[in-house]
Each structure stands twice: as structure tokens, then as C-alpha cells.
Amino acid sequence: AELWLGALAATLLLVILGMLGFVFKEAWPSF
């Protein structure tokens, strides 16, 4: 259970980081 919860937390963190990276990548030409 600890391994699954850790994997879930890491996946959520990766999704958030991926979202941030995508938004800033698309926004860079305007800035």
C-alpha cells in the first residue's frame, strides 16, 4: 500500500510539472 501511494503521489507531481512545463513552453513566444 505504501508503494502504491508513493507511486500515486509521484505521478500526480509529474502531471503537475508536465502541465506547468507545457503552459510555459506555449507562453514563451509572447513573453
All heavy atoms as atom14 arrays in JSON, in Angstrom:
{
  "sequence": "AELWLGALAATLLLVILGMLGFVFKEAWPSF",
  "atom14_mask": [
    [1, 1, 1, 1, 1, 0, 0, 0, 0, 0, 0, 0, 0, 0],
    [1, 1, 1, 1, 1, 1, 1, 1, 1, 0, 0, 0, 0, 0],
    [1, 1, 1, 1, 1, 1, 1, 1, 0, 0, 0, 0, 0, 0],
    [1, 1, 1, 1, 1, 1, 1, 1, 1, 1, 1, 1, 1, 1],
    [1, 1, 1, 1, 1, 1, 1, 1, 0, 0, 0, 0, 0, 0],
    [1, 1, 1, 1, 0, 0, 0, 0, 0, 0, 0, 0, 0, 0],
    [1, 1, 1, 1, 1, 0, 0, 0, 0, 0, 0, 0, 0, 0],
    [1, 1, 1, 1, 1, 1, 1, 1, 0, 0, 0, 0, 0, 0],
    [1, 1, 1, 1, 1, 0, 0, 0, 0, 0, 0, 0, 0, 0],
    [1, 1, 1, 1, 1, 0, 0, 0, 0, 0, 0, 0, 0, 0],
    [1, 1, 1, 1, 1, 1, 1, 0, 0, 0, 0, 0, 0, 0],
    [1, 1, 1, 1, 1, 1, 1, 1, 0, 0, 0, 0, 0, 0],
    [1, 1, 1, 1, 1, 1, 1, 1, 0, 0, 0, 0, 0, 0],
    [1, 1, 1, 1, 1, 1, 1, 1, 0, 0, 0, 0, 0, 0],
    [1, 1, 1, 1, 1, 1, 1, 0, 0, 0, 0, 0, 0, 0],
    [1, 1, 1, 1, 1, 1, 1, 1, 0, 0, 0, 0, 0, 0],
    [1, 1, 1, 1, 1, 1, 1, 1, 0, 0, 0, 0, 0, 0],
    [1, 1, 1, 1, 0, 0, 0, 0, 0, 0, 0, 0, 0, 0],
    [1, 1, 1, 1, 1, 1, 1, 1, 0, 0, 0, 0, 0, 0],
    [1, 1, 1, 1, 1, 1, 1, 1, 0, 0, 0, 0, 0, 0],
    [1, 1, 1, 1, 0, 0, 0, 0, 0, 0, 0, 0, 0, 0],
    [1, 1, 1, 1, 1, 1, 1, 1, 1, 1, 1, 0, 0, 0],
    [1, 1, 1, 1, 1, 1, 1, 0, 0, 0, 0, 0, 0, 0],
    [1, 1, 1, 1, 1, 1, 1, 1, 1, 1, 1, 0, 0, 0],
    [1, 1, 1, 1, 1, 1, 1, 1, 1, 0, 0, 0, 0, 0],
    [1, 1, 1, 1, 1, 1, 1, 1, 1, 0, 0, 0, 0, 0],
    [1, 1, 1, 1, 1, 0, 0, 0, 0, 0, 0, 0, 0, 0],
    [1, 1, 1, 1, 1, 1, 1, 1, 1, 1, 1, 1, 1, 1],
    [1, 1, 1, 1, 1, 1, 1, 0, 0, 0, 0, 0, 0, 0],
    [1, 1, 1, 1, 1, 1, 0, 0, 0, 0, 0, 0, 0, 0],
    [1, 1, 1, 1, 1, 1, 1, 1, 1, 1, 1, 0, 0, 0]
  ],
  "atom14_positions": [
    [[0.83, -1.21, 0.0], [0.0, 0.0, 0.0], [0.87, 1.26, 0.0], [0.56, 2.24, -0.69], [-0.93, 0.0, 1.21], [0.0, 0.0, 0.0], [0.0, 0.0, 0.0], [0.0, 0.0, 0.0], [0.0, 0.0, 0.0], [0.0, 0.0, 0.0], [0.0, 0.0, 0.0], [0.0, 0.0, 0.0], [0.0, 0.0, 0.0], [0.0, 0.0, 0.0]],
    [[1.96, 1.23, 0.76], [2.85, 2.38, 0.78], [3.47, 2.63, -0.59], [3.6, 3.78, -1.04], [3.96, 2.16, 1.82], [3.46, 2.11, 3.25], [4.62, 1.9, 4.21], [5.68, 2.52, 4.03], [4.48, 1.09, 5.14], [0.0, 0.0, 0.0], [0.0, 0.0, 0.0], [0.0, 0.0, 0.0], [0.0, 0.0, 0.0], [0.0, 0.0, 0.0]],
    [[3.85, 1.55, -1.28], [4.43, 1.7, -2.61], [3.42, 2.29, -3.59], [3.75, 3.18, -4.39], [4.93, 0.35, -3.11], [6.11, -0.27, -2.34], [6.42, -1.66, -2.88], [7.34, 0.63, -2.43], [0.0, 0.0, 0.0], [0.0, 0.0, 0.0], [0.0, 0.0, 0.0], [0.0, 0.0, 0.0], [0.0, 0.0, 0.0], [0.0, 0.0, 0.0]],
    [[2.18, 1.81, -3.53], [1.15, 2.34, -4.43], [0.85, 3.8, -4.14], [0.7, 4.61, -5.07], [-0.14, 1.51, -4.31], [-0.11, 0.24, -5.08], [-0.01, -1.03, -4.6], [-0.19, 0.12, -6.51], [-0.02, -1.95, -5.63], [-0.13, -1.27, -6.81], [-0.3, 1.03, -7.55], [-0.19, -1.74, -8.11], [-0.36, 0.56, -8.85], [-0.3, -0.81, -9.13]],
    [[0.77, 4.16, -2.87], [0.52, 5.56, -2.52], [1.68, 6.46, -2.93], [1.47, 7.58, -3.43], [0.26, 5.68, -1.02], [-1.05, 5.07, -0.51], [-1.1, 5.14, 1.01], [-2.24, 5.78, -1.12], [0.0, 0.0, 0.0], [0.0, 0.0, 0.0], [0.0, 0.0, 0.0], [0.0, 0.0, 0.0], [0.0, 0.0, 0.0], [0.0, 0.0, 0.0]],
    [[2.9, 5.97, -2.75], [4.06, 6.74, -3.19], [4.08, 6.93, -4.7], [4.4, 8.02, -5.21], [0.0, 0.0, 0.0], [0.0, 0.0, 0.0], [0.0, 0.0, 0.0], [0.0, 0.0, 0.0], [0.0, 0.0, 0.0], [0.0, 0.0, 0.0], [0.0, 0.0, 0.0], [0.0, 0.0, 0.0], [0.0, 0.0, 0.0], [0.0, 0.0, 0.0]],
    [[3.74, 5.86, -5.42], [3.69, 5.96, -6.88], [2.61, 6.94, -7.33], [2.8, 7.71, -8.29], [3.45, 4.58, -7.49], [0.0, 0.0, 0.0], [0.0, 0.0, 0.0], [0.0, 0.0, 0.0], [0.0, 0.0, 0.0], [0.0, 0.0, 0.0], [0.0, 0.0, 0.0], [0.0, 0.0, 0.0], [0.0, 0.0, 0.0], [0.0, 0.0, 0.0]],
    [[1.46, 6.91, -6.64], [0.37, 7.82, -6.98], [0.78, 9.26, -6.74], [0.52, 10.15, -7.57], [-0.86, 7.47, -6.15], [-2.11, 8.32, -6.39], [-2.58, 8.19, -7.84], [-3.23, 7.92, -5.44], [0.0, 0.0, 0.0], [0.0, 0.0, 0.0], [0.0, 0.0, 0.0], [0.0, 0.0, 0.0], [0.0, 0.0, 0.0], [0.0, 0.0, 0.0]],
    [[1.44, 9.53, -5.6], [1.9, 10.89, -5.29], [2.93, 11.36, -6.31], [2.89, 12.51, -6.78], [2.47, 10.95, -3.88], [0.0, 0.0, 0.0], [0.0, 0.0, 0.0], [0.0, 0.0, 0.0], [0.0, 0.0, 0.0], [0.0, 0.0, 0.0], [0.0, 0.0, 0.0], [0.0, 0.0, 0.0], [0.0, 0.0, 0.0], [0.0, 0.0, 0.0]],
    [[3.85, 10.46, -6.69], [4.87, 10.83, -7.68], [4.24, 11.1, -9.05], [4.63, 12.02, -9.76], [5.91, 9.72, -7.79], [0.0, 0.0, 0.0], [0.0, 0.0, 0.0], [0.0, 0.0, 0.0], [0.0, 0.0, 0.0], [0.0, 0.0, 0.0], [0.0, 0.0, 0.0], [0.0, 0.0, 0.0], [0.0, 0.0, 0.0], [0.0, 0.0, 0.0]],
    [[3.23, 10.29, -9.41], [2.55, 10.5, -10.68], [1.84, 11.85, -10.7], [1.88, 12.58, -11.7], [1.53, 9.38, -10.94], [2.21, 8.12, -10.93], [0.83, 9.57, -12.27], [0.0, 0.0, 0.0], [0.0, 0.0, 0.0], [0.0, 0.0, 0.0], [0.0, 0.0, 0.0], [0.0, 0.0, 0.0], [0.0, 0.0, 0.0], [0.0, 0.0, 0.0]],
    [[1.17, 12.17, -9.6], [0.48, 13.45, -9.51], [1.47, 14.6, -9.64], [1.21, 15.6, -10.33], [-0.28, 13.54, -8.19], [-1.08, 14.82, -7.94], [-2.15, 14.99, -9.01], [-1.71, 14.81, -6.55], [0.0, 0.0, 0.0], [0.0, 0.0, 0.0], [0.0, 0.0, 0.0], [0.0, 0.0, 0.0], [0.0, 0.0, 0.0], [0.0, 0.0, 0.0]],
    [[2.62, 14.48, -8.99], [3.64, 15.53, -9.08], [4.15, 15.67, -10.5], [4.33, 16.79, -11.01], [4.79, 15.21, -8.12], [5.95, 16.2, -8.1], [5.46, 17.58, -7.68], [7.05, 15.72, -7.17], [0.0, 0.0, 0.0], [0.0, 0.0, 0.0], [0.0, 0.0, 0.0], [0.0, 0.0, 0.0], [0.0, 0.0, 0.0], [0.0, 0.0, 0.0]],
    [[4.36, 14.54, -11.18], [4.83, 14.59, -12.57], [3.79, 15.23, -13.49], [4.13, 15.98, -14.41], [5.16, 13.19, -13.06], [6.4, 12.54, -12.45], [6.56, 11.1, -12.94], [7.66, 13.35, -12.8], [0.0, 0.0, 0.0], [0.0, 0.0, 0.0], [0.0, 0.0, 0.0], [0.0, 0.0, 0.0], [0.0, 0.0, 0.0], [0.0, 0.0, 0.0]],
    [[2.5, 14.95, -13.24], [1.44, 15.56, -14.04], [1.43, 17.07, -13.87], [1.32, 17.84, -14.84], [0.07, 14.96, -13.66], [-1.07, 15.76, -14.29], [-0.01, 13.51, -14.12], [0.0, 0.0, 0.0], [0.0, 0.0, 0.0], [0.0, 0.0, 0.0], [0.0, 0.0, 0.0], [0.0, 0.0, 0.0], [0.0, 0.0, 0.0], [0.0, 0.0, 0.0]],
    [[1.58, 17.52, -12.62], [1.6, 18.96, -12.35], [2.8, 19.61, -13.02], [2.69, 20.67, -13.67], [1.6, 19.22, -10.84], [0.28, 18.75, -10.22], [1.82, 20.7, -10.55], [0.24, 18.85, -8.72], [0.0, 0.0, 0.0], [0.0, 0.0, 0.0], [0.0, 0.0, 0.0], [0.0, 0.0, 0.0], [0.0, 0.0, 0.0], [0.0, 0.0, 0.0]],
    [[3.98, 18.98, -12.89], [5.17, 19.53, -13.52], [5.03, 19.55, -15.03], [5.45, 20.5, -15.7], [6.4, 18.73, -13.1], [6.82, 18.84, -11.64], [8.0, 17.92, -11.34], [7.18, 20.29, -11.29], [0.0, 0.0, 0.0], [0.0, 0.0, 0.0], [0.0, 0.0, 0.0], [0.0, 0.0, 0.0], [0.0, 0.0, 0.0], [0.0, 0.0, 0.0]],
    [[4.43, 18.49, -15.59], [4.21, 18.46, -17.04], [3.27, 19.56, -17.49], [3.49, 20.19, -18.53], [0.0, 0.0, 0.0], [0.0, 0.0, 0.0], [0.0, 0.0, 0.0], [0.0, 0.0, 0.0], [0.0, 0.0, 0.0], [0.0, 0.0, 0.0], [0.0, 0.0, 0.0], [0.0, 0.0, 0.0], [0.0, 0.0, 0.0], [0.0, 0.0, 0.0]],
    [[2.23, 19.8, -16.72], [1.28, 20.86, -17.06], [1.97, 22.22, -17.03], [1.8, 23.04, -17.94], [0.11, 20.84, -16.08], [-0.93, 21.91, -16.34], [-2.18, 21.98, -15.03], [-1.19, 22.61, -13.68], [0.0, 0.0, 0.0], [0.0, 0.0, 0.0], [0.0, 0.0, 0.0], [0.0, 0.0, 0.0], [0.0, 0.0, 0.0], [0.0, 0.0, 0.0]],
    [[2.76, 22.45, -15.97], [3.47, 23.72, -15.87], [4.45, 23.9, -17.03], [4.53, 24.98, -17.64], [4.22, 23.8, -14.54], [3.36, 23.89, -13.28], [4.23, 23.82, -12.03], [2.54, 25.16, -13.28], [0.0, 0.0, 0.0], [0.0, 0.0, 0.0], [0.0, 0.0, 0.0], [0.0, 0.0, 0.0], [0.0, 0.0, 0.0], [0.0, 0.0, 0.0]],
    [[5.18, 22.84, -17.35], [6.13, 22.92, -18.45], [5.44, 23.22, -19.77], [5.92, 24.03, -20.58], [0.0, 0.0, 0.0], [0.0, 0.0, 0.0], [0.0, 0.0, 0.0], [0.0, 0.0, 0.0], [0.0, 0.0, 0.0], [0.0, 0.0, 0.0], [0.0, 0.0, 0.0], [0.0, 0.0, 0.0], [0.0, 0.0, 0.0], [0.0, 0.0, 0.0]],
    [[4.29, 22.57, -20.01], [3.56, 22.79, -21.26], [3.06, 24.23, -21.35], [3.19, 24.88, -22.41], [2.39, 21.82, -21.35], [1.52, 22.03, -22.54], [1.92, 21.61, -23.8], [0.3, 22.66, -22.4], [1.11, 21.83, -24.91], [-0.52, 22.89, -23.5], [-0.1, 22.47, -24.76], [0.0, 0.0, 0.0], [0.0, 0.0, 0.0], [0.0, 0.0, 0.0]],
    [[2.48, 24.75, -20.26], [1.94, 26.11, -20.28], [3.05, 27.12, -20.54], [2.91, 28.02, -21.38], [1.2, 26.41, -18.95], [0.86, 27.9, -18.86], [-0.07, 25.58, -18.84], [0.0, 0.0, 0.0], [0.0, 0.0, 0.0], [0.0, 0.0, 0.0], [0.0, 0.0, 0.0], [0.0, 0.0, 0.0], [0.0, 0.0, 0.0], [0.0, 0.0, 0.0]],
    [[4.18, 26.98, -19.83], [5.26, 27.95, -20.0], [5.93, 27.81, -21.37], [6.38, 28.81, -21.94], [6.28, 27.81, -18.88], [5.84, 28.44, -17.6], [5.26, 27.69, -16.59], [5.97, 29.8, -17.38], [4.83, 28.26, -15.41], [5.55, 30.4, -16.22], [4.98, 29.63, -15.22], [0.0, 0.0, 0.0], [0.0, 0.0, 0.0], [0.0, 0.0, 0.0]],
    [[5.98, 26.61, -21.92], [6.52, 26.43, -23.26], [5.66, 27.16, -24.29], [6.18, 27.84, -25.19], [6.61, 24.94, -23.58], [6.99, 24.63, -25.02], [7.02, 23.14, -25.26], [7.19, 22.83, -26.75], [6.03, 23.27, -27.55], [0.0, 0.0, 0.0], [0.0, 0.0, 0.0], [0.0, 0.0, 0.0], [0.0, 0.0, 0.0], [0.0, 0.0, 0.0]],
    [[4.33, 26.99, -24.17], [3.44, 27.65, -25.11], [3.42, 29.17, -24.91], [3.18, 29.93, -25.86], [2.02, 27.1, -24.95], [1.88, 25.64, -25.34], [2.1, 25.44, -26.84], [1.66, 26.3, -27.63], [2.72, 24.42, -27.21], [0.0, 0.0, 0.0], [0.0, 0.0, 0.0], [0.0, 0.0, 0.0], [0.0, 0.0, 0.0], [0.0, 0.0, 0.0]],
    [[3.66, 29.62, -23.69], [3.6, 31.05, -23.39], [4.88, 31.79, -23.76], [4.85, 33.02, -23.91], [3.31, 31.26, -21.9], [0.0, 0.0, 0.0], [0.0, 0.0, 0.0], [0.0, 0.0, 0.0], [0.0, 0.0, 0.0], [0.0, 0.0, 0.0], [0.0, 0.0, 0.0], [0.0, 0.0, 0.0], [0.0, 0.0, 0.0], [0.0, 0.0, 0.0]],
    [[5.97, 31.07, -23.94], [7.27, 31.73, -24.12], [7.32, 32.68, -25.31], [7.9, 33.77, -25.19], [8.37, 30.68, -24.22], [9.72, 31.31, -24.45], [10.5, 31.21, -25.55], [10.43, 32.15, -23.54], [11.65, 31.94, -25.4], [11.64, 32.53, -24.17], [10.16, 32.63, -22.25], [12.56, 33.36, -23.56], [11.07, 33.45, -21.65], [12.27, 33.8, -22.29]],
    [[6.76, 32.35, -26.5], [6.85, 33.3, -27.62], [6.27, 34.67, -27.3], [6.84, 35.69, -27.72], [6.06, 32.6, -28.73], [6.17, 31.15, -28.42], [6.15, 31.07, -26.93], [0.0, 0.0, 0.0], [0.0, 0.0, 0.0], [0.0, 0.0, 0.0], [0.0, 0.0, 0.0], [0.0, 0.0, 0.0], [0.0, 0.0, 0.0], [0.0, 0.0, 0.0]],
    [[5.17, 34.73, -26.56], [4.58, 36.02, -26.21], [5.49, 36.8, -25.26], [5.7, 38.0, -25.44], [3.21, 35.81, -25.57], [2.61, 37.04, -25.22], [0.0, 0.0, 0.0], [0.0, 0.0, 0.0], [0.0, 0.0, 0.0], [0.0, 0.0, 0.0], [0.0, 0.0, 0.0], [0.0, 0.0, 0.0], [0.0, 0.0, 0.0], [0.0, 0.0, 0.0]],
    [[6.04, 36.13, -24.25], [6.93, 36.8, -23.31], [8.24, 37.22, -23.98], [8.75, 38.32, -23.73], [7.23, 35.89, -22.11], [6.06, 35.71, -21.19], [5.72, 34.45, -20.71], [5.3, 36.79, -20.79], [4.65, 34.27, -19.86], [4.21, 36.62, -19.93], [3.89, 35.36, -19.47], [0.0, 0.0, 0.0], [0.0, 0.0, 0.0], [0.0, 0.0, 0.0]]
  ]
}
